[in-house]
C-alpha cells in the first residue's frame, strides 16, 4: 500500500513518492557507477538486472543479478552499487512494515 521511502523523499506527496524513489535510485547508480576495468579491457557490455529486497526494517538484502553469460564482472559491479544503497523507510501494508522486492536494470555500455 505504501512504497518504501528513499532518504530525501520523505516530504514528497504520497502520489509522487514512487517517482522520487526511482529518481533517487538512478542518481545513486550514476554517482556510484564504476565500469570494471577488466570488463572495459575485454569489451564486455550488457544489461544487468539487479533484484533486491528492501526489508521491513528498511535495509537492503537478498541482492541477486540476472545478466547474459559472460557478464560476471558487470554483475559484481551491479551488486556493489546496490549494496551501497542507504537505509530507507520500509514499505507498509495495512500500516505494518513489510519486505518489498525490486528489480533494477543497470546498463553497461562502452561508448
Protein backbone atom coordinates (compact mmCIF):
# COMPACT_ATOMS: atom_id res chain seq x y z
CA UNK A 1 0.00 0.00 0.00
CA UNK A 2 2.88 2.36 0.81
CA UNK A 3 6.15 2.19 -1.13
CA UNK A 4 9.49 2.35 0.67
CA UNK A 5 10.72 5.91 1.11
CA UNK A 6 14.20 6.73 -0.12
CA UNK A 7 16.02 9.31 2.06
CA UNK A 8 15.18 12.73 0.65
CA UNK A 9 11.67 11.72 -0.45
CA UNK A 10 10.02 11.99 2.98
CA UNK A 11 8.40 15.36 2.29
CA UNK A 12 7.18 14.41 -1.20
CA UNK A 13 3.40 13.87 -1.52
CA UNK A 14 2.38 10.19 -1.45
CA UNK A 15 1.39 10.12 -5.12
CA UNK A 16 4.90 11.30 -6.12
CA UNK A 17 6.95 9.06 -3.82
CA UNK A 18 7.44 6.24 -6.32
CA UNK A 19 8.73 8.71 -8.90
CA UNK A 20 11.05 10.24 -6.28
CA UNK A 21 12.23 6.73 -5.33
CA UNK A 22 13.11 5.91 -8.96
CA UNK A 23 14.95 9.22 -9.42
CA UNK A 24 16.97 8.68 -6.23
CA UNK A 25 17.87 5.11 -7.29
CA UNK A 26 19.04 6.42 -10.70
CA UNK A 27 21.07 9.17 -9.03
CA UNK A 28 22.61 6.60 -6.67
CA UNK A 29 23.61 4.37 -9.59
CA UNK A 30 25.08 7.29 -11.54
CA UNK A 31 27.00 8.59 -8.52
CA UNK A 32 28.49 5.19 -7.60
CA UNK A 33 28.97 3.66 -11.06
CA UNK A 34 32.48 2.47 -11.97
CA UNK A 35 32.88 0.48 -15.15
CA UNK A 36 35.01 -2.53 -14.19
CA UNK A 37 38.49 -2.09 -15.68
CA UNK A 38 38.76 -5.74 -16.70
CA UNK A 39 35.31 -5.63 -18.37
CA UNK A 40 36.35 -2.48 -20.26
CA UNK A 41 39.58 -4.16 -21.36
CA UNK A 42 37.65 -7.23 -22.59
CA UNK A 43 34.96 -5.05 -24.22
CA UNK A 44 32.21 -6.64 -22.08
CA UNK A 45 28.89 -4.81 -22.27
CA UNK A 46 25.33 -5.67 -21.34
CA UNK A 47 22.29 -5.08 -19.19
CA UNK A 48 22.29 -6.44 -15.66
CA UNK A 49 19.01 -6.82 -13.81
CA UNK A 50 19.54 -6.44 -10.08
CA UNK A 51 16.92 -7.99 -7.83
CA UNK A 52 16.82 -6.98 -4.17
CA UNK A 53 14.58 -6.64 -1.16
CA UNK A 54 14.00 -3.58 0.99
CA UNK A 55 13.19 -5.44 4.19
CA UNK A 56 10.70 -4.49 6.88
CA UNK A 57 13.46 -2.58 8.68
CA UNK A 58 14.40 -0.57 5.57
CA UNK A 59 17.67 -2.40 4.87
CA UNK A 60 18.74 -3.80 1.50
CA UNK A 61 19.10 -7.58 1.41
CA UNK A 62 19.00 -10.54 -0.94
CA UNK A 63 20.79 -8.85 -3.84
CA UNK A 64 20.91 -11.13 -6.88
CA UNK A 65 21.51 -10.49 -10.56
CA UNK A 66 20.44 -11.72 -13.97
CA UNK A 67 22.60 -10.98 -16.97
CA UNK A 68 23.83 -12.57 -20.20
CA UNK A 69 26.54 -15.23 -19.92
CA UNK A 70 29.99 -13.68 -19.68
CA UNK A 71 28.85 -10.60 -17.77
CA UNK A 72 30.01 -11.72 -14.31
CA UNK A 73 32.30 -8.68 -13.92
CA UNK A 74 29.32 -6.43 -14.63
CA UNK A 75 27.15 -8.37 -12.20
CA UNK A 76 29.74 -7.90 -9.44
CA UNK A 77 29.72 -4.14 -10.02
CA UNK A 78 25.92 -4.03 -10.02
CA UNK A 79 25.82 -5.85 -6.67
CA UNK A 80 28.44 -3.45 -5.26
CA UNK A 81 26.41 -0.41 -6.34
CA UNK A 82 23.14 -1.67 -4.90
CA UNK A 83 24.86 -2.78 -1.70
CA UNK A 84 25.69 0.88 -1.09
CA UNK A 85 22.02 1.93 -1.01
CA UNK A 86 21.10 3.76 2.18
CA UNK A 87 18.65 2.53 4.78
CA UNK A 88 15.11 3.52 3.82
CA UNK A 89 11.76 3.84 5.47
CA UNK A 90 10.20 0.43 4.75
CA UNK A 91 7.11 -0.12 2.63
CA UNK A 92 3.90 -0.71 4.53
CA UNK A 93 0.84 -2.88 4.11
CA UNK A 94 -2.13 -2.16 6.35
CA UNK A 95 0.12 0.12 8.37
CA UNK A 96 2.73 -2.55 9.12
CA UNK A 97 6.28 -2.61 7.68
CA UNK A 98 6.77 -5.30 5.03
CA UNK A 99 9.50 -6.61 2.74
CA UNK A 100 9.30 -5.14 -0.78
CA UNK A 101 11.02 -6.74 -3.79
CA UNK A 102 12.52 -4.59 -6.52
CA UNK A 103 14.19 -5.17 -9.87
CA UNK A 104 16.51 -2.51 -11.27
CA UNK A 105 18.26 -2.70 -14.64
CA UNK A 106 21.75 -1.28 -14.97
CA UNK A 107 23.14 -0.77 -18.46
CA UNK A 108 26.86 -1.19 -19.05
CA UNK A 109 27.74 0.37 -22.39
CA UNK A 110 31.15 1.27 -23.71
CA UNK A 111 30.78 4.36 -25.88
